[in-house]
Amino acid sequence: WKKREDFLDIVSSFIRVSNLAKKAESSQVNTELLSEAEEKLLYDSYINVSHVFNEAMVKKEYDNALKAIMTMKPYIDDFFDNIMVMVEEENIRINRLAILKSIENMMLAFADLSIIVVSK
């Protein structure tokens, strides 16, 4: 996996998610506070992927679990490219961090990808 470009891409995305998720107090997302398209798409992606991911993990189909996570990359990238997470409005900031914390929790159920050394 470490030799695959798409895997290296998801590791870098996970690191971005993880760095901000550490600031989250909770992974409880209030869907009523989702107003921007990119945050809605990321959260919807997380919900859809989490079902596939959890099923794959239960069946010990780790390749499928990782493939499910990897489908989130474009949504993660769009989120970071277009959304300011650390906004002044506290409820929005907490909610955006909660989305990232939810994603981090799912990824950590697979592995802590942030400790993988990536060398090209």
C-alpha atoms as a PDB file:
ATOM      1  CA  TRP A   1       0.000   0.000   0.000  1.00  0.00           C
ATOM      2  CA  LYS A   2       2.822   2.415   0.837  1.00  0.00           C
ATOM      3  CA  LYS A   3       3.957   2.329  -2.789  1.00  0.00           C
ATOM      4  CA  ARG A   4       0.549   3.334  -4.156  1.00  0.00           C
ATOM      5  CA  GLU A   5       0.116   7.028  -4.964  1.00  0.00           C
ATOM      6  CA  ASP A   6      -3.538   6.998  -3.867  1.00  0.00           C
ATOM      7  CA  PHE A   7      -2.535   5.576  -0.488  1.00  0.00           C
ATOM      8  CA  LEU A   8       0.080   8.282   0.002  1.00  0.00           C
ATOM      9  CA  ASP A   9      -2.587  10.845  -0.853  1.00  0.00           C
ATOM     10  CA  ILE A  10      -4.986   9.562   1.803  1.00  0.00           C
ATOM     11  CA  VAL A  11      -2.183   9.568   4.385  1.00  0.00           C
ATOM     12  CA  SER A  12      -1.560  13.253   3.713  1.00  0.00           C
ATOM     13  CA  SER A  13      -5.303  13.953   3.902  1.00  0.00           C
ATOM     14  CA  PHE A  14      -5.564  12.007   7.154  1.00  0.00           C
ATOM     15  CA  ILE A  15      -2.747  14.055   8.655  1.00  0.00           C
ATOM     16  CA  ARG A  16      -4.624  17.266   7.773  1.00  0.00           C
ATOM     17  CA  VAL A  17      -7.820  15.884   9.329  1.00  0.00           C
ATOM     18  CA  SER A  18      -6.012  14.612  12.398  1.00  0.00           C
ATOM     19  CA  ASN A  19      -4.159  17.861  13.081  1.00  0.00           C
ATOM     20  CA  LEU A  20      -7.395  19.810  13.400  1.00  0.00           C
ATOM     21  CA  ALA A  21      -9.430  16.980  14.921  1.00  0.00           C
ATOM     22  CA  LYS A  22      -7.159  17.137  17.968  1.00  0.00           C
ATOM     23  CA  LYS A  23      -8.793  20.486  18.748  1.00  0.00           C
ATOM     24  CA  ALA A  24     -12.301  18.992  18.787  1.00  0.00           C
ATOM     25  CA  GLU A  25     -14.094  18.501  22.065  1.00  0.00           C
ATOM     26  CA  SER A  26     -16.612  16.098  20.557  1.00  0.00           C
ATOM     27  CA  SER A  27     -17.484  14.181  17.415  1.00  0.00           C
ATOM     28  CA  GLN A  28     -21.167  15.100  17.770  1.00  0.00           C
ATOM     29  CA  VAL A  29     -22.176  16.874  14.550  1.00  0.00           C
ATOM     30  CA  ASN A  30     -25.207  19.140  14.430  1.00  0.00           C
ATOM     31  CA  THR A  31     -26.453  18.755  10.851  1.00  0.00           C
ATOM     32  CA  GLU A  32     -28.566  21.906  11.201  1.00  0.00           C
ATOM     33  CA  LEU A  33     -25.351  23.935  11.369  1.00  0.00           C
ATOM     34  CA  LEU A  34     -24.036  22.596   8.049  1.00  0.00           C
ATOM     35  CA  SER A  35     -24.463  25.489   5.640  1.00  0.00           C
ATOM     36  CA  GLU A  36     -21.623  25.276   3.119  1.00  0.00           C
ATOM     37  CA  ALA A  37     -21.745  22.771   0.258  1.00  0.00           C
ATOM     38  CA  GLU A  38     -18.286  21.372   0.988  1.00  0.00           C
ATOM     39  CA  GLU A  39     -19.028  20.648   4.635  1.00  0.00           C
ATOM     40  CA  LYS A  40     -22.341  19.011   3.724  1.00  0.00           C
ATOM     41  CA  LEU A  41     -20.658  16.872   1.054  1.00  0.00           C
ATOM     42  CA  LEU A  42     -17.868  15.869   3.418  1.00  0.00           C
ATOM     43  CA  TYR A  43     -20.293  14.919   6.165  1.00  0.00           C
ATOM     44  CA  ASP A  44     -22.540  12.997   3.749  1.00  0.00           C
ATOM     45  CA  SER A  45     -19.468  11.216   2.432  1.00  0.00           C
ATOM     46  CA  TYR A  46     -18.456  10.313   5.982  1.00  0.00           C
ATOM     47  CA  ILE A  47     -21.928   8.914   6.736  1.00  0.00           C
ATOM     48  CA  ASN A  48     -21.985   6.821   3.557  1.00  0.00           C
ATOM     49  CA  VAL A  49     -18.408   5.599   3.922  1.00  0.00           C
ATOM     50  CA  SER A  50     -18.807   4.764   7.610  1.00  0.00           C
ATOM     51  CA  HIS A  51     -21.451   2.147   6.797  1.00  0.00           C
ATOM     52  CA  VAL A  52     -19.252   0.444   4.206  1.00  0.00           C
ATOM     53  CA  PHE A  53     -16.191   0.849   6.419  1.00  0.00           C
ATOM     54  CA  ASN A  54     -17.832  -0.637   9.524  1.00  0.00           C
ATOM     55  CA  GLU A  55     -19.166  -3.605   7.587  1.00  0.00           C
ATOM     56  CA  ALA A  56     -15.737  -4.261   6.072  1.00  0.00           C
ATOM     57  CA  MET A  57     -14.061  -4.023   9.486  1.00  0.00           C
ATOM     58  CA  VAL A  58     -16.530  -6.493  11.039  1.00  0.00           C
ATOM     59  CA  LYS A  59     -15.797  -8.921   8.221  1.00  0.00           C
ATOM     60  CA  LYS A  60     -12.036  -8.253   8.602  1.00  0.00           C
ATOM     61  CA  GLU A  61     -11.922  -7.091   4.993  1.00  0.00           C
ATOM     62  CA  TYR A  62      -9.282  -4.478   5.701  1.00  0.00           C
ATOM     63  CA  ASP A  63      -8.510  -3.819   2.043  1.00  0.00           C
ATOM     64  CA  ASN A  64     -12.157  -2.844   1.490  1.00  0.00           C
ATOM     65  CA  ALA A  65     -12.174  -0.748   4.650  1.00  0.00           C
ATOM     66  CA  LEU A  66      -9.178   1.249   3.440  1.00  0.00           C
ATOM     67  CA  LYS A  67     -10.652   1.578  -0.044  1.00  0.00           C
ATOM     68  CA  ALA A  68     -13.807   3.026   1.540  1.00  0.00           C
ATOM     69  CA  ILE A  69     -11.774   5.593   3.458  1.00  0.00           C
ATOM     70  CA  MET A  70      -9.864   6.508   0.327  1.00  0.00           C
ATOM     71  CA  THR A  71     -13.075   7.525  -1.459  1.00  0.00           C
ATOM     72  CA  MET A  72     -13.330  10.447   0.961  1.00  0.00           C
ATOM     73  CA  LYS A  73     -10.153  12.129  -0.262  1.00  0.00           C
ATOM     74  CA  PRO A  74     -11.754  14.491  -2.810  1.00  0.00           C
ATOM     75  CA  TYR A  75     -14.323  15.594  -0.213  1.00  0.00           C
ATOM     76  CA  ILE A  76     -11.617  16.161   2.392  1.00  0.00           C
ATOM     77  CA  ASP A  77      -9.559  18.170  -0.095  1.00  0.00           C
ATOM     78  CA  ASP A  78     -12.554  20.266  -1.183  1.00  0.00           C
ATOM     79  CA  PHE A  79     -13.413  20.904   2.455  1.00  0.00           C
ATOM     80  CA  PHE A  80      -9.918  22.149   3.274  1.00  0.00           C
ATOM     81  CA  ASP A  81      -9.655  24.135   0.034  1.00  0.00           C
ATOM     82  CA  ASN A  82     -12.944  25.973   0.542  1.00  0.00           C
ATOM     83  CA  ILE A  83     -13.887  25.971   4.219  1.00  0.00           C
ATOM     84  CA  MET A  84     -12.304  27.907   7.053  1.00  0.00           C
ATOM     85  CA  VAL A  85     -12.572  25.616  10.060  1.00  0.00           C
ATOM     86  CA  MET A  86     -11.372  27.934  12.787  1.00  0.00           C
ATOM     87  CA  VAL A  87     -14.008  30.638  12.309  1.00  0.00           C
ATOM     88  CA  GLU A  88     -15.020  33.107  15.006  1.00  0.00           C
ATOM     89  CA  GLU A  89     -18.556  31.762  15.342  1.00  0.00           C
ATOM     90  CA  GLU A  90     -18.091  29.140  18.051  1.00  0.00           C
ATOM     91  CA  ASN A  91     -20.965  26.811  17.106  1.00  0.00           C
ATOM     92  CA  ILE A  92     -19.811  26.609  13.487  1.00  0.00           C
ATOM     93  CA  ARG A  93     -16.177  26.053  14.516  1.00  0.00           C
ATOM     94  CA  ILE A  94     -17.120  23.316  17.004  1.00  0.00           C
ATOM     95  CA  ASN A  95     -19.332  21.635  14.408  1.00  0.00           C
ATOM     96  CA  ARG A  96     -16.648  21.673  11.718  1.00  0.00           C
ATOM     97  CA  LEU A  97     -14.133  20.251  14.161  1.00  0.00           C
ATOM     98  CA  ALA A  98     -16.666  17.558  15.078  1.00  0.00           C
ATOM     99  CA  ILE A  99     -16.891  16.495  11.434  1.00  0.00           C
ATOM    100  CA  LEU A 100     -13.121  16.114  11.345  1.00  0.00           C
ATOM    101  CA  LYS A 101     -13.123  14.276  14.679  1.00  0.00           C
ATOM    102  CA  SER A 102     -15.726  11.832  13.344  1.00  0.00           C
ATOM    103  CA  ILE A 103     -13.560  11.125  10.325  1.00  0.00           C
ATOM    104  CA  GLU A 104     -10.459  10.776  12.474  1.00  0.00           C
ATOM    105  CA  ASN A 105     -12.228   8.317  14.794  1.00  0.00           C
ATOM    106  CA  MET A 106     -13.220   6.173  11.833  1.00  0.00           C
ATOM    107  CA  MET A 107      -9.735   6.233  10.374  1.00  0.00           C
ATOM    108  CA  LEU A 108      -8.180   5.402  13.745  1.00  0.00           C
ATOM    109  CA  ALA A 109     -10.380   2.304  13.928  1.00  0.00           C
ATOM    110  CA  PHE A 110      -8.369   1.143  10.919  1.00  0.00           C
ATOM    111  CA  ALA A 111      -4.927   2.518  11.807  1.00  0.00           C
ATOM    112  CA  ASP A 112      -3.198   5.692  12.861  1.00  0.00           C
ATOM    113  CA  LEU A 113      -2.131   6.722   9.390  1.00  0.00           C
ATOM    114  CA  SER A 114      -0.407   9.811  10.768  1.00  0.00           C
ATOM    115  CA  ILE A 115       2.523   7.740  12.046  1.00  0.00           C
ATOM    116  CA  ILE A 116       3.302   6.312   8.611  1.00  0.00           C
ATOM    117  CA  VAL A 117       6.480   7.728   7.179  1.00  0.00           C
ATOM    118  CA  VAL A 118       5.848   8.744   3.603  1.00  0.00           C
ATOM    119  CA  SER A 119       8.831   8.854   1.283  1.00  0.00           C
ATOM    120  CA  LYS A 120       8.571   9.150  -2.468  1.00  0.00           C
END
